[in-house]
C-alpha cells in the first residue's frame, strides 16, 4: 500500500507544491487588480492572495485526486478482466452442458447408465 498509494501521492503533491512555490517566488511581488462592475474587488500583490499554505493544500488535493483517478482506472481494468473471465466460464459451462445433453441422448441408445452429480 505504501508503494502504490502513499509514495505517488507524496511525489505528485511535492511536484505541484514546488511548481507553485517557483511561480510564487517569480511573480509574488506582481500586483493583481480585479474589478467587478468598474469597482475594485481585489487590488493587492500575488503573495498576499496566494500563500504557501494555500499552495500546500492545493497540491495535496491534486495529489489525492490523481491517486483516486489512478485507482479508478485500475479498478475499471480489473472489472473488464473479471467480466472477460466470467464470460469465458459461462461459455465453458454452456459447452459442458451441451456435452452432458449429448451424453444423455446417447445413453438411451447404448444402455449406458448416466449418473447426475449436480447439486440440487
PDB file of N, CA and C in Angstrom:
ATOM      1  N   UNK A   1       0.823  -1.189   0.000  1.00  0.00           N
ATOM      2  CA  UNK A   1       0.000   0.000   0.000  1.00  0.00           C
ATOM      3  C   UNK A   1       0.868   1.253   0.000  1.00  0.00           C
ATOM      4  N   UNK A   2       1.944   1.210   0.742  1.00  0.00           N
ATOM      5  CA  UNK A   2       2.824   2.369   0.811  1.00  0.00           C
ATOM      6  C   UNK A   2       3.364   2.725  -0.560  1.00  0.00           C
ATOM      7  N   UNK A   3       3.824   1.712  -1.292  1.00  0.00           N
ATOM      8  CA  UNK A   3       4.376   1.955  -2.629  1.00  0.00           C
ATOM      9  C   UNK A   3       3.309   2.397  -3.617  1.00  0.00           C
ATOM     10  N   UNK A   4       2.141   1.820  -3.528  1.00  0.00           N
ATOM     11  CA  UNK A   4       1.115   2.057  -4.531  1.00  0.00           C
ATOM     12  C   UNK A   4       0.304   3.315  -4.287  1.00  0.00           C
ATOM     13  N   UNK A   5       0.154   3.746  -3.048  1.00  0.00           N
ATOM     14  CA  UNK A   5      -0.740   4.868  -2.769  1.00  0.00           C
ATOM     15  C   UNK A   5      -0.007   6.078  -2.184  1.00  0.00           C
ATOM     16  N   UNK A   6       0.764   5.864  -1.148  1.00  0.00           N
ATOM     17  CA  UNK A   6       1.338   6.982  -0.405  1.00  0.00           C
ATOM     18  C   UNK A   6       2.479   7.644  -1.165  1.00  0.00           C
ATOM     19  N   UNK A   7       3.387   6.872  -1.699  1.00  0.00           N
ATOM     20  CA  UNK A   7       4.538   7.454  -2.388  1.00  0.00           C
ATOM     21  C   UNK A   7       4.141   8.257  -3.639  1.00  0.00           C
ATOM     22  N   UNK A   8       3.230   7.739  -4.492  1.00  0.00           N
ATOM     23  CA  UNK A   8       2.809   8.581  -5.620  1.00  0.00           C
ATOM     24  C   UNK A   8       2.110   9.861  -5.177  1.00  0.00           C
ATOM     25  N   UNK A   9       1.316   9.788  -4.111  1.00  0.00           N
ATOM     26  CA  UNK A   9       0.648  10.982  -3.599  1.00  0.00           C
ATOM     27  C   UNK A   9       1.663  12.015  -3.139  1.00  0.00           C
ATOM     28  N   UNK A  10       2.666  11.567  -2.418  1.00  0.00           N
ATOM     29  CA  UNK A  10       3.710  12.478  -1.941  1.00  0.00           C
ATOM     30  C   UNK A  10       4.487  13.063  -3.121  1.00  0.00           C
ATOM     31  N   UNK A  11       4.810  12.227  -4.096  1.00  0.00           N
ATOM     32  CA  UNK A  11       5.574  12.702  -5.249  1.00  0.00           C
ATOM     33  C   UNK A  11       4.794  13.733  -6.052  1.00  0.00           C
ATOM     34  N   UNK A  12       3.538  13.452  -6.326  1.00  0.00           N
ATOM     35  CA  UNK A  12       2.723  14.389  -7.105  1.00  0.00           C
ATOM     36  C   UNK A  12       2.491  15.670  -6.330  1.00  0.00           C
ATOM     37  N   UNK A  13       2.165  15.538  -5.048  1.00  0.00           N
ATOM     38  CA  UNK A  13       1.925  16.721  -4.228  1.00  0.00           C
ATOM     39  C   UNK A  13       3.187  17.577  -4.107  1.00  0.00           C
ATOM     40  N   UNK A  14       4.320  16.957  -3.916  1.00  0.00           N
ATOM     41  CA  UNK A  14       5.579  17.698  -3.795  1.00  0.00           C
ATOM     42  C   UNK A  14       5.918  18.426  -5.085  1.00  0.00           C
ATOM     43  N   UNK A  15       5.686  17.766  -6.217  1.00  0.00           N
ATOM     44  CA  UNK A  15       5.954  18.398  -7.510  1.00  0.00           C
ATOM     45  C   UNK A  15       5.064  19.613  -7.717  1.00  0.00           C
ATOM     46  N   UNK A  16       3.786  19.465  -7.434  1.00  0.00           N
ATOM     47  CA  UNK A  16       2.849  20.586  -7.588  1.00  0.00           C
ATOM     48  C   UNK A  16       3.215  21.721  -6.639  1.00  0.00           C
ATOM     49  N   UNK A  17       3.567  21.384  -5.396  1.00  0.00           N
ATOM     50  CA  UNK A  17       3.958  22.418  -4.430  1.00  0.00           C
ATOM     51  C   UNK A  17       5.224  23.136  -4.878  1.00  0.00           C
ATOM     52  N   UNK A  18       6.190  22.388  -5.406  1.00  0.00           N
ATOM     53  CA  UNK A  18       7.423  23.013  -5.878  1.00  0.00           C
ATOM     54  C   UNK A  18       7.154  23.967  -7.038  1.00  0.00           C
ATOM     55  N   UNK A  19       6.306  23.551  -7.968  1.00  0.00           N
ATOM     56  CA  UNK A  19       5.942  24.431  -9.085  1.00  0.00           C
ATOM     57  C   UNK A  19       5.213  25.661  -8.570  1.00  0.00           C
ATOM     58  N   UNK A  20       4.304  25.455  -7.636  1.00  0.00           N
ATOM     59  CA  UNK A  20       3.553  26.567  -7.051  1.00  0.00           C
ATOM     60  C   UNK A  20       4.500  27.557  -6.367  1.00  0.00           C
ATOM     61  N   UNK A  21       5.461  27.048  -5.603  1.00  0.00           N
ATOM     62  CA  UNK A  21       6.402  27.928  -4.907  1.00  0.00           C
ATOM     63  C   UNK A  21       7.314  28.663  -5.885  1.00  0.00           C
ATOM     64  N   UNK A  22       7.691  28.003  -6.997  1.00  0.00           N
ATOM     65  CA  UNK A  22       8.504  28.684  -8.004  1.00  0.00           C
ATOM     66  C   UNK A  22       7.715  29.828  -8.644  1.00  0.00           C
ATOM     67  N   UNK A  23       6.464  29.578  -8.938  1.00  0.00           N
ATOM     68  CA  UNK A  23       5.623  30.639  -9.509  1.00  0.00           C
ATOM     69  C   UNK A  23       5.434  31.761  -8.506  1.00  0.00           C
ATOM     70  N   UNK A  24       5.218  31.412  -7.248  1.00  0.00           N
ATOM     71  CA  UNK A  24       5.054  32.425  -6.199  1.00  0.00           C
ATOM     72  C   UNK A  24       6.329  33.255  -6.028  1.00  0.00           C
ATOM     73  N   UNK A  25       7.498  32.591  -6.111  1.00  0.00           N
ATOM     74  CA  UNK A  25       8.761  33.316  -5.994  1.00  0.00           C
ATOM     75  C   UNK A  25       8.975  34.243  -7.194  1.00  0.00           C
ATOM     76  N   UNK A  26       8.563  33.799  -8.365  1.00  0.00           N
ATOM     77  CA  UNK A  26       8.752  34.591  -9.577  1.00  0.00           C
ATOM     78  C   UNK A  26       7.793  35.780  -9.651  1.00  0.00           C
ATOM     79  N   UNK A  27       6.532  35.537  -9.340  1.00  0.00           N
ATOM     80  CA  UNK A  27       5.507  36.567  -9.533  1.00  0.00           C
ATOM     81  C   UNK A  27       4.886  37.057  -8.234  1.00  0.00           C
ATOM     82  N   UNK A  28       5.497  36.778  -7.103  1.00  0.00           N
ATOM     83  CA  UNK A  28       4.926  37.135  -5.803  1.00  0.00           C
ATOM     84  C   UNK A  28       4.747  38.623  -5.580  1.00  0.00           C
ATOM     85  N   UNK A  29       5.614  39.423  -6.150  1.00  0.00           N
ATOM     86  CA  UNK A  29       5.517  40.874  -5.923  1.00  0.00           C
ATOM     87  C   UNK A  29       4.694  41.590  -7.000  1.00  0.00           C
ATOM     88  N   UNK A  30       4.178  40.834  -7.964  1.00  0.00           N
ATOM     89  CA  UNK A  30       3.332  41.430  -9.002  1.00  0.00           C
ATOM     90  C   UNK A  30       2.000  41.858  -8.396  1.00  0.00           C
ATOM     91  N   UNK A  31       1.438  42.922  -8.941  1.00  0.00           N
ATOM     92  CA  UNK A  31       0.153  43.433  -8.457  1.00  0.00           C
ATOM     93  C   UNK A  31      -0.985  42.766  -9.227  1.00  0.00           C
ATOM     94  N   UNK A  32      -2.050  42.471  -8.484  1.00  0.00           N
ATOM     95  CA  UNK A  32      -3.259  41.912  -9.084  1.00  0.00           C
ATOM     96  C   UNK A  32      -4.376  42.925  -8.872  1.00  0.00           C
ATOM     97  N   UNK A  33      -5.088  43.168  -9.949  1.00  0.00           N
ATOM     98  CA  UNK A  33      -6.231  44.077  -9.864  1.00  0.00           C
ATOM     99  C   UNK A  33      -7.422  43.398 -10.514  1.00  0.00           C
ATOM    100  N   UNK A  34      -8.456  43.152  -9.712  1.00  0.00           N
ATOM    101  CA  UNK A  34      -9.676  42.538 -10.207  1.00  0.00           C
ATOM    102  C   UNK A  34     -10.812  43.526  -9.975  1.00  0.00           C
ATOM    103  N   UNK A  35     -11.512  43.843 -11.067  1.00  0.00           N
ATOM    104  CA  UNK A  35     -12.622  44.786 -10.964  1.00  0.00           C
ATOM    105  C   UNK A  35     -13.924  44.066 -11.293  1.00  0.00           C
ATOM    106  N   UNK A  36     -14.952  44.411 -10.545  1.00  0.00           N
ATOM    107  CA  UNK A  36     -16.295  43.909 -10.794  1.00  0.00           C
ATOM    108  C   UNK A  36     -17.210  45.120 -10.903  1.00  0.00           C
ATOM    109  N   UNK A  37     -17.865  45.267 -12.028  1.00  0.00           N
ATOM    110  CA  UNK A  37     -18.748  46.416 -12.280  1.00  0.00           C
ATOM    111  C   UNK A  37     -18.014  47.749 -12.070  1.00  0.00           C
ATOM    112  N   UNK A  38     -16.809  47.824 -12.625  1.00  0.00           N
ATOM    113  CA  UNK A  38     -15.969  49.018 -12.554  1.00  0.00           C
ATOM    114  C   UNK A  38     -15.595  49.426 -11.125  1.00  0.00           C
ATOM    115  N   UNK A  39     -15.681  48.507 -10.199  1.00  0.00           N
ATOM    116  CA  UNK A  39     -15.240  48.771  -8.826  1.00  0.00           C
ATOM    117  C   UNK A  39     -14.129  47.781  -8.489  1.00  0.00           C
ATOM    118  N   UNK A  40     -13.150  48.262  -7.737  1.00  0.00           N
ATOM    119  CA  UNK A  40     -12.053  47.380  -7.335  1.00  0.00           C
ATOM    120  C   UNK A  40     -12.586  46.287  -6.404  1.00  0.00           C
ATOM    121  N   UNK A  41     -12.383  45.056  -6.830  1.00  0.00           N
ATOM    122  CA  UNK A  41     -12.770  43.923  -6.000  1.00  0.00           C
ATOM    123  C   UNK A  41     -11.549  43.425  -5.233  1.00  0.00           C
ATOM    124  N   UNK A  42     -10.438  43.311  -5.931  1.00  0.00           N
ATOM    125  CA  UNK A  42      -9.170  42.913  -5.327  1.00  0.00           C
ATOM    126  C   UNK A  42      -8.086  43.775  -5.936  1.00  0.00           C
ATOM    127  N   UNK A  43      -7.243  44.313  -5.066  1.00  0.00           N
ATOM    128  CA  UNK A  43      -6.094  45.071  -5.522  1.00  0.00           C
ATOM    129  C   UNK A  43      -4.980  44.827  -4.518  1.00  0.00           C
ATOM    130  N   UNK A  44      -4.116  43.857  -4.830  1.00  0.00           N
ATOM    131  CA  UNK A  44      -3.005  43.537  -3.929  1.00  0.00           C
ATOM    132  C   UNK A  44      -1.936  42.781  -4.698  1.00  0.00           C
ATOM    133  N   UNK A  45      -0.955  42.280  -3.967  1.00  0.00           N
ATOM    134  CA  UNK A  45       0.117  41.504  -4.576  1.00  0.00           C
ATOM    135  C   UNK A  45      -0.265  40.021  -4.595  1.00  0.00           C
ATOM    136  N   UNK A  46       0.389  39.297  -5.495  1.00  0.00           N
ATOM    137  CA  UNK A  46       0.119  37.863  -5.628  1.00  0.00           C
ATOM    138  C   UNK A  46       0.407  37.139  -4.326  1.00  0.00           C
ATOM    139  N   UNK A  47       1.497  37.491  -3.658  1.00  0.00           N
ATOM    140  CA  UNK A  47       1.870  36.790  -2.425  1.00  0.00           C
ATOM    141  C   UNK A  47       0.877  37.032  -1.300  1.00  0.00           C
ATOM    142  N   UNK A  48       0.072  38.101  -1.370  1.00  0.00           N
ATOM    143  CA  UNK A  48      -0.946  38.336  -0.354  1.00  0.00           C
ATOM    144  C   UNK A  48      -2.167  37.446  -0.560  1.00  0.00           C
ATOM    145  N   UNK A  49      -2.453  37.131  -1.801  1.00  0.00           N
ATOM    146  CA  UNK A  49      -3.623  36.307  -2.100  1.00  0.00           C
ATOM    147  C   UNK A  49      -3.338  34.818  -2.060  1.00  0.00           C
ATOM    148  N   UNK A  50      -2.192  34.456  -2.571  1.00  0.00           N
ATOM    149  CA  UNK A  50      -1.853  33.037  -2.680  1.00  0.00           C
ATOM    150  C   UNK A  50      -0.691  32.755  -1.742  1.00  0.00           C
ATOM    151  N   UNK A  51      -1.004  32.167  -0.609  1.00  0.00           N
ATOM    152  CA  UNK A  51       0.014  31.885   0.401  1.00  0.00           C
ATOM    153  C   UNK A  51       0.573  30.479   0.211  1.00  0.00           C
ATOM    154  N   UNK A  52       1.706  30.167   0.816  1.00  0.00           N
ATOM    155  CA  UNK A  52       2.237  28.805   0.733  1.00  0.00           C
ATOM    156  C   UNK A  52       1.286  27.758   1.315  1.00  0.00           C
ATOM    157  N   UNK A  53       0.506  28.133   2.314  1.00  0.00           N
ATOM    158  CA  UNK A  53      -0.470  27.194   2.874  1.00  0.00           C
ATOM    159  C   UNK A  53      -1.533  26.813   1.860  1.00  0.00           C
ATOM    160  N   UNK A  54      -1.980  27.787   1.092  1.00  0.00           N
ATOM    161  CA  UNK A  54      -2.950  27.515   0.024  1.00  0.00           C
ATOM    162  C   UNK A  54      -2.312  26.612  -1.019  1.00  0.00           C
ATOM    163  N   UNK A  55      -1.068  26.868  -1.331  1.00  0.00           N
ATOM    164  CA  UNK A  55      -0.358  26.023  -2.299  1.00  0.00           C
ATOM    165  C   UNK A  55      -0.203  24.595  -1.797  1.00  0.00           C
ATOM    166  N   UNK A  56       0.101  24.457  -0.491  1.00  0.00           N
ATOM    167  CA  UNK A  56       0.235  23.111   0.074  1.00  0.00           C
ATOM    168  C   UNK A  56      -1.098  22.372   0.034  1.00  0.00           C
ATOM    169  N   UNK A  57      -2.163  23.063   0.402  1.00  0.00           N
ATOM    170  CA  UNK A  57      -3.485  22.432   0.365  1.00  0.00           C
ATOM    171  C   UNK A  57      -3.874  22.070  -1.071  1.00  0.00           C
ATOM    172  N   UNK A  58      -3.590  22.965  -1.992  1.00  0.00           N
ATOM    173  CA  UNK A  58      -3.903  22.721  -3.399  1.00  0.00           C
ATOM    174  C   UNK A  58      -3.107  21.544  -3.942  1.00  0.00           C
ATOM    175  N   UNK A  59      -1.833  21.486  -3.618  1.00  0.00           N
ATOM    176  CA  UNK A  59      -1.004  20.387  -4.127  1.00  0.00           C
ATOM    177  C   UNK A  59      -1.421  19.052  -3.516  1.00  0.00           C
ATOM    178  N   UNK A  60      -1.773  19.049  -2.235  1.00  0.00           N
ATOM    179  CA  UNK A  60      -2.234  17.815  -1.601  1.00  0.00           C
ATOM    180  C   UNK A  60      -3.549  17.359  -2.233  1.00  0.00           C
ATOM    181  N   UNK A  61      -4.420  18.301  -2.509  1.00  0.00           N
ATOM    182  CA  UNK A  61      -5.694  17.963  -3.146  1.00  0.00           C
ATOM    183  C   UNK A  61      -5.465  17.365  -4.527  1.00  0.00           C
ATOM    184  N   UNK A  62      -4.610  17.994  -5.331  1.00  0.00           N
ATOM    185  CA  UNK A  62      -4.314  17.449  -6.654  1.00  0.00           C
ATOM    186  C   UNK A  62      -3.651  16.078  -6.560  1.00  0.00           C
ATOM    187  N   UNK A  63      -2.793  15.908  -5.566  1.00  0.00           N
ATOM    188  CA  UNK A  63      -2.157  14.606  -5.368  1.00  0.00           C
ATOM    189  C   UNK A  63      -3.171  13.526  -5.053  1.00  0.00           C
ATOM    190  N   UNK A  64      -4.098  13.830  -4.159  1.00  0.00           N
ATOM    191  CA  UNK A  64      -5.118  12.852  -3.802  1.00  0.00           C
ATOM    192  C   UNK A  64      -6.061  12.565  -4.964  1.00  0.00           C
ATOM    193  N   UNK A  65      -6.420  13.599  -5.705  1.00  0.00           N
ATOM    194  CA  UNK A  65      -7.288  13.405  -6.865  1.00  0.00           C
ATOM    195  C   UNK A  65      -6.598  12.529  -7.907  1.00  0.00           C
ATOM    196  N   UNK A  66      -5.304  12.731  -8.093  1.00  0.00           N
ATOM    197  CA  UNK A  66      -4.586  11.907  -9.070  1.00  0.00           C
ATOM    198  C   UNK A  66      -4.551  10.450  -8.634  1.00  0.00           C
ATOM    199  N   UNK A  67      -4.379  10.207  -7.338  1.00  0.00           N
ATOM    200  CA  UNK A  67      -4.379   8.834  -6.842  1.00  0.00           C
ATOM    201  C   UNK A  67      -5.750   8.206  -7.024  1.00  0.00           C
ATOM    202  N   UNK A  68      -6.800   8.957  -6.747  1.00  0.00           N
ATOM    203  CA  UNK A  68      -8.156   8.435  -6.954  1.00  0.00           C
ATOM    204  C   UNK A  68      -8.360   8.081  -8.425  1.00  0.00           C
ATOM    205  N   UNK A  69      -7.890   8.934  -9.320  1.00  0.00           N
ATOM    206  CA  UNK A  69      -8.037   8.675 -10.757  1.00  0.00           C
ATOM    207  C   UNK A  69      -7.255   7.432 -11.170  1.00  0.00           C
ATOM    208  N   UNK A  70      -6.054   7.281 -10.654  1.00  0.00           N
ATOM    209  CA  UNK A  70      -5.232   6.105 -10.971  1.00  0.00           C
ATOM    210  C   UNK A  70      -5.906   4.833 -10.473  1.00  0.00           C
ATOM    211  N   UNK A  71      -6.389   4.855  -9.240  1.00  0.00           N
ATOM    212  CA  UNK A  71      -7.037   3.675  -8.677  1.00  0.00           C
ATOM    213  C   UNK A  71      -8.351   3.363  -9.392  1.00  0.00           C
ATOM    214  N   UNK A  72      -9.069   4.392  -9.813  1.00  0.00           N
ATOM    215  CA  UNK A  72     -10.307   4.166 -10.559  1.00  0.00           C
ATOM    216  C   UNK A  72     -10.001   3.485 -11.891  1.00  0.00           C
ATOM    217  N   UNK A  73      -8.957   3.959 -12.555  1.00  0.00           N
ATOM    218  CA  UNK A  73      -8.566   3.348 -13.829  1.00  0.00           C
ATOM    219  C   UNK A  73      -8.180   1.882 -13.623  1.00  0.00           C
ATOM    220  N   UNK A  74      -7.464   1.592 -12.543  1.00  0.00           N
ATOM    221  CA  UNK A  74      -7.081   0.211 -12.255  1.00  0.00           C
ATOM    222  C   UNK A  74      -8.307  -0.649 -11.965  1.00  0.00           C
ATOM    223  N   UNK A  75      -9.269  -0.101 -11.226  1.00  0.00           N
ATOM    224  CA  UNK A  75     -10.457  -0.887 -10.900  1.00  0.00           C
ATOM    225  C   UNK A  75     -11.303  -1.152 -12.138  1.00  0.00           C
ATOM    226  N   UNK A  76     -11.372  -0.192 -13.060  1.00  0.00           N
ATOM    227  CA  UNK A  76     -12.111  -0.405 -14.307  1.00  0.00           C
ATOM    228  C   UNK A  76     -11.431  -1.499 -15.128  1.00  0.00           C
ATOM    229  N   UNK A  77     -10.116  -1.470 -15.187  1.00  0.00           N
ATOM    230  CA  UNK A  77      -9.382  -2.502 -15.931  1.00  0.00           C
ATOM    231  C   UNK A  77      -9.592  -3.875 -15.291  1.00  0.00           C
ATOM    232  N   UNK A  78      -9.574  -3.918 -13.963  1.00  0.00           N
ATOM    233  CA  UNK A  78      -9.788  -5.191 -13.266  1.00  0.00           C
ATOM    234  C   UNK A  78     -11.209  -5.694 -13.494  1.00  0.00           C
ATOM    235  N   UNK A  79     -12.178  -4.782 -13.501  1.00  0.00           N
ATOM    236  CA  UNK A  79     -13.562  -5.168 -13.756  1.00  0.00           C
ATOM    237  C   UNK A  79     -13.708  -5.764 -15.157  1.00  0.00           C
ATOM    238  N   UNK A  80     -13.075  -5.138 -16.138  1.00  0.00           N
ATOM    239  CA  UNK A  80     -13.143  -5.668 -17.507  1.00  0.00           C
ATOM    240  C   UNK A  80     -12.515  -7.056 -17.587  1.00  0.00           C
ATOM    241  N   UNK A  81     -11.397  -7.237 -16.896  1.00  0.00           N
ATOM    242  CA  UNK A  81     -10.730  -8.537 -16.887  1.00  0.00           C
ATOM    243  C   UNK A  81     -11.634  -9.592 -16.256  1.00  0.00           C
ATOM    244  N   UNK A  82     -12.273  -9.249 -15.136  1.00  0.00           N
ATOM    245  CA  UNK A  82     -13.158 -10.201 -14.470  1.00  0.00           C
ATOM    246  C   UNK A  82     -14.391 -10.513 -15.323  1.00  0.00           C
ATOM    247  N   UNK A  83     -14.896  -9.517 -16.045  1.00  0.00           N
ATOM    248  CA  UNK A  83     -16.034  -9.763 -16.933  1.00  0.00           C
ATOM    249  C   UNK A  83     -15.651 -10.714 -18.060  1.00  0.00           C
ATOM    250  N   UNK A  84     -14.445 -10.574 -18.586  1.00  0.00           N
ATOM    251  CA  UNK A  84     -13.974 -11.498 -19.618  1.00  0.00           C
ATOM    252  C   UNK A  84     -13.847 -12.906 -19.066  1.00  0.00           C
ATOM    253  N   UNK A  85     -13.322 -13.020 -17.839  1.00  0.00           N
ATOM    254  CA  UNK A  85     -13.199 -14.337 -17.214  1.00  0.00           C
ATOM    255  C   UNK A  85     -14.577 -14.955 -16.980  1.00  0.00           C
ATOM    256  N   UNK A  86     -15.529 -14.143 -16.547  1.00  0.00           N
ATOM    257  CA  UNK A  86     -16.880 -14.638 -16.318  1.00  0.00           C
ATOM    258  C   UNK A  86     -17.506 -15.124 -17.623  1.00  0.00           C
ATOM    259  N   UNK A  87     -17.316 -14.377 -18.690  1.00  0.00           N
ATOM    260  CA  UNK A  87     -17.843 -14.781 -19.992  1.00  0.00           C
ATOM    261  C   UNK A  87     -17.211 -16.105 -20.441  1.00  0.00           C
ATOM    262  N   UNK A  88     -15.909 -16.237 -20.238  1.00  0.00           N
ATOM    263  CA  UNK A  88     -15.214 -17.481 -20.587  1.00  0.00           C
ATOM    264  C   UNK A  88     -15.779 -18.646 -19.786  1.00  0.00           C
ATOM    265  N   UNK A  89     -16.003 -18.444 -18.491  1.00  0.00           N
ATOM    266  CA  UNK A  89     -16.537 -19.511 -17.636  1.00  0.00           C
ATOM    267  C   UNK A  89     -17.959 -19.876 -18.053  1.00  0.00           C
ATOM    268  N   UNK A  90     -18.766 -18.869 -18.385  1.00  0.00           N
ATOM    269  CA  UNK A  90     -20.133 -19.144 -18.845  1.00  0.00           C
ATOM    270  C   UNK A  90     -20.122 -19.962 -20.131  1.00  0.00           C
ATOM    271  N   UNK A  91     -19.216 -19.612 -21.042  1.00  0.00           N
ATOM    272  CA  UNK A  91     -19.110 -20.377 -22.291  1.00  0.00           C
ATOM    273  C   UNK A  91     -18.676 -21.813 -22.011  1.00  0.00           C
ATOM    274  N   UNK A  92     -17.733 -21.979 -21.080  1.00  0.00           N
ATOM    275  CA  UNK A  92     -17.272 -23.326 -20.736  1.00  0.00           C
ATOM    276  C   UNK A  92     -18.394 -24.144 -20.117  1.00  0.00           C
ATOM    277  N   UNK A  93     -19.170 -23.521 -19.241  1.00  0.00           N
ATOM    278  CA  UNK A  93     -20.300 -24.226 -18.626  1.00  0.00           C
ATOM    279  C   UNK A  93     -21.335 -24.597 -19.682  1.00  0.00           C
ATOM    280  N   UNK A  94     -21.607 -23.681 -20.585  1.00  0.00           N
ATOM    281  CA  UNK A  94     -22.566 -23.950 -21.663  1.00  0.00           C
ATOM    282  C   UNK A  94     -22.089 -25.110 -22.532  1.00  0.00           C
ATOM    283  N   UNK A  95     -20.794 -25.123 -22.823  1.00  0.00           N
ATOM    284  CA  UNK A  95     -20.228 -26.209 -23.629  1.00  0.00           C
ATOM    285  C   UNK A  95     -20.347 -27.541 -22.885  1.00  0.00           C
ATOM    286  N   UNK A  96     -20.072 -27.544 -21.600  1.00  0.00           N
ATOM    287  CA  UNK A  96     -20.178 -28.774 -20.795  1.00  0.00           C
ATOM    288  C   UNK A  96     -21.626 -29.248 -20.721  1.00  0.00           C
ATOM    289  N   UNK A  97     -22.561 -28.308 -20.561  1.00  0.00           N
ATOM    290  CA  UNK A  97     -23.975 -28.684 -20.536  1.00  0.00           C
ATOM    291  C   UNK A  97     -24.390 -29.326 -21.858  1.00  0.00           C
ATOM    292  N   UNK A  98     -23.897 -28.777 -22.962  1.00  0.00           N
ATOM    293  CA  UNK A  98     -24.197 -29.359 -24.270  1.00  0.00           C
ATOM    294  C   UNK A  98     -23.632 -30.770 -24.369  1.00  0.00           C
ATOM    295  N   UNK A  99     -22.428 -30.961 -23.828  1.00  0.00           N
ATOM    296  CA  UNK A  99     -21.832 -32.298 -23.840  1.00  0.00           C
ATOM    297  C   UNK A  99     -22.647 -33.269 -22.987  1.00  0.00           C
ATOM    298  N   UNK A 100     -23.132 -32.803 -21.846  1.00  0.00           N
ATOM    299  CA  UNK A 100     -23.949 -33.649 -20.967  1.00  0.00           C
ATOM    300  C   UNK A 100     -25.244 -34.036 -21.668  1.00  0.00           C
ATOM    301  N   UNK A 101     -25.867 -33.074 -22.328  1.00  0.00           N
ATOM    302  CA  UNK A 101     -27.102 -33.366 -23.057  1.00  0.00           C
ATOM    303  C   UNK A 101     -26.841 -34.385 -24.171  1.00  0.00           C
ATOM    304  N   UNK A 102     -25.728 -34.251 -24.827  1.00  0.00           N
ATOM    305  CA  UNK A 102     -25.364 -35.197 -25.881  1.00  0.00           C
ATOM    306  C   UNK A 102     -25.156 -36.594 -25.297  1.00  0.00           C
ATOM    307  N   UNK A 103     -24.520 -36.673 -24.134  1.00  0.00           N
ATOM    308  CA  UNK A 103     -24.324 -37.969 -23.477  1.00  0.00           C
ATOM    309  C   UNK A 103     -25.660 -38.570 -23.065  1.00  0.00           C
ATOM    310  N   UNK A 104     -26.571 -37.758 -22.609  1.00  0.00           N
ATOM    311  CA  UNK A 104     -27.894 -38.260 -22.225  1.00  0.00           C
ATOM    312  C   UNK A 104     -28.642 -38.816 -23.431  1.00  0.00           C
ATOM    313  N   UNK A 105     -28.481 -38.191 -24.576  1.00  0.00           N
ATOM    314  CA  UNK A 105     -29.134 -38.693 -25.784  1.00  0.00           C
ATOM    315  C   UNK A 105     -28.584 -40.062 -26.173  1.00  0.00           C
ATOM    316  N   UNK A 106     -27.267 -40.221 -26.026  1.00  0.00           N
ATOM    317  CA  UNK A 106     -26.633 -41.486 -26.391  1.00  0.00           C
ATOM    318  C   UNK A 106     -26.838 -42.547 -25.321  1.00  0.00           C
ATOM    319  N   UNK A 107     -27.226 -42.151 -24.121  1.00  0.00           N
ATOM    320  CA  UNK A 107     -27.433 -43.077 -23.013  1.00  0.00           C
ATOM    321  C   UNK A 107     -28.515 -44.096 -23.356  1.00  0.00           C
ATOM    322  N   UNK A 108     -29.564 -43.593 -23.973  1.00  0.00           N
ATOM    323  CA  UNK A 108     -30.676 -44.469 -24.323  1.00  0.00           C
ATOM    324  C   UNK A 108     -30.240 -45.473 -25.383  1.00  0.00           C
ATOM    325  N   UNK A 109     -29.474 -45.025 -26.332  1.00  0.00           N
ATOM    326  CA  UNK A 109     -29.071 -45.886 -27.446  1.00  0.00           C
ATOM    327  C   UNK A 109     -28.066 -46.946 -27.018  1.00  0.00           C
ATOM    328  N   UNK A 110     -27.164 -46.618 -26.114  1.00  0.00           N
ATOM    329  CA  UNK A 110     -26.085 -47.556 -25.788  1.00  0.00           C
ATOM    330  C   UNK A 110     -26.282 -48.250 -24.451  1.00  0.00           C
ATOM    331  N   UNK A 111     -27.393 -48.039 -23.784  1.00  0.00           N
ATOM    332  CA  UNK A 111     -27.692 -48.657 -22.493  1.00  0.00           C
ATOM    333  C   UNK A 111     -26.632 -48.345 -21.438  1.00  0.00           C
ATOM    334  N   UNK A 112     -26.035 -47.172 -21.528  1.00  0.00           N
ATOM    335  CA  UNK A 112     -25.070 -46.733 -20.526  1.00  0.00           C
ATOM    336  C   UNK A 112     -25.844 -45.917 -19.498  1.00  0.00           C
ATOM    337  N   UNK A 113     -25.591 -46.213 -18.263  1.00  0.00           N
ATOM    338  CA  UNK A 113     -26.327 -45.503 -17.217  1.00  0.00           C
ATOM    339  C   UNK A 113     -25.615 -44.188 -16.916  1.00  0.00           C
ATOM    340  N   UNK A 114     -26.370 -43.123 -16.874  1.00  0.00           N
ATOM    341  CA  UNK A 114     -25.836 -41.777 -16.617  1.00  0.00           C
ATOM    342  C   UNK A 114     -26.183 -41.383 -15.193  1.00  0.00           C
ATOM    343  N   UNK A 115     -25.158 -40.993 -14.447  1.00  0.00           N
ATOM    344  CA  UNK A 115     -25.375 -40.565 -13.063  1.00  0.00           C
ATOM    345  C   UNK A 115     -25.225 -39.050 -12.996  1.00  0.00           C
ATOM    346  N   UNK A 116     -26.216 -38.418 -12.449  1.00  0.00           N
ATOM    347  CA  UNK A 116     -26.220 -36.952 -12.347  1.00  0.00           C
ATOM    348  C   UNK A 116     -25.572 -36.540 -11.028  1.00  0.00           C
ATOM    349  N   UNK A 117     -24.406 -35.873 -11.088  1.00  0.00           N
ATOM    350  CA  UNK A 117     -23.659 -35.478  -9.905  1.00  0.00           C
ATOM    351  C   UNK A 117     -23.928 -34.021  -9.513  1.00  0.00           C
ATOM    352  N   UNK A 118     -24.809 -33.381 -10.208  1.00  0.00           N
ATOM    353  CA  UNK A 118     -25.069 -31.973  -9.891  1.00  0.00           C
ATOM    354  C   UNK A 118     -25.782 -31.845  -8.562  1.00  0.00           C
ATOM    355  N   UNK A 119     -25.437 -30.766  -7.842  1.00  0.00           N
ATOM    356  CA  UNK A 119     -26.107 -30.459  -6.567  1.00  0.00           C
ATOM    357  C   UNK A 119     -27.454 -29.856  -6.871  1.00  0.00           C
ATOM    358  N   UNK A 120     -28.407 -30.188  -6.086  1.00  0.00           N
ATOM    359  CA  UNK A 120     -29.748 -29.599  -6.257  1.00  0.00           C
ATOM    360  C   UNK A 120     -30.148 -28.875  -5.029  1.00  0.00           C
TER     361      UNK A 120
END
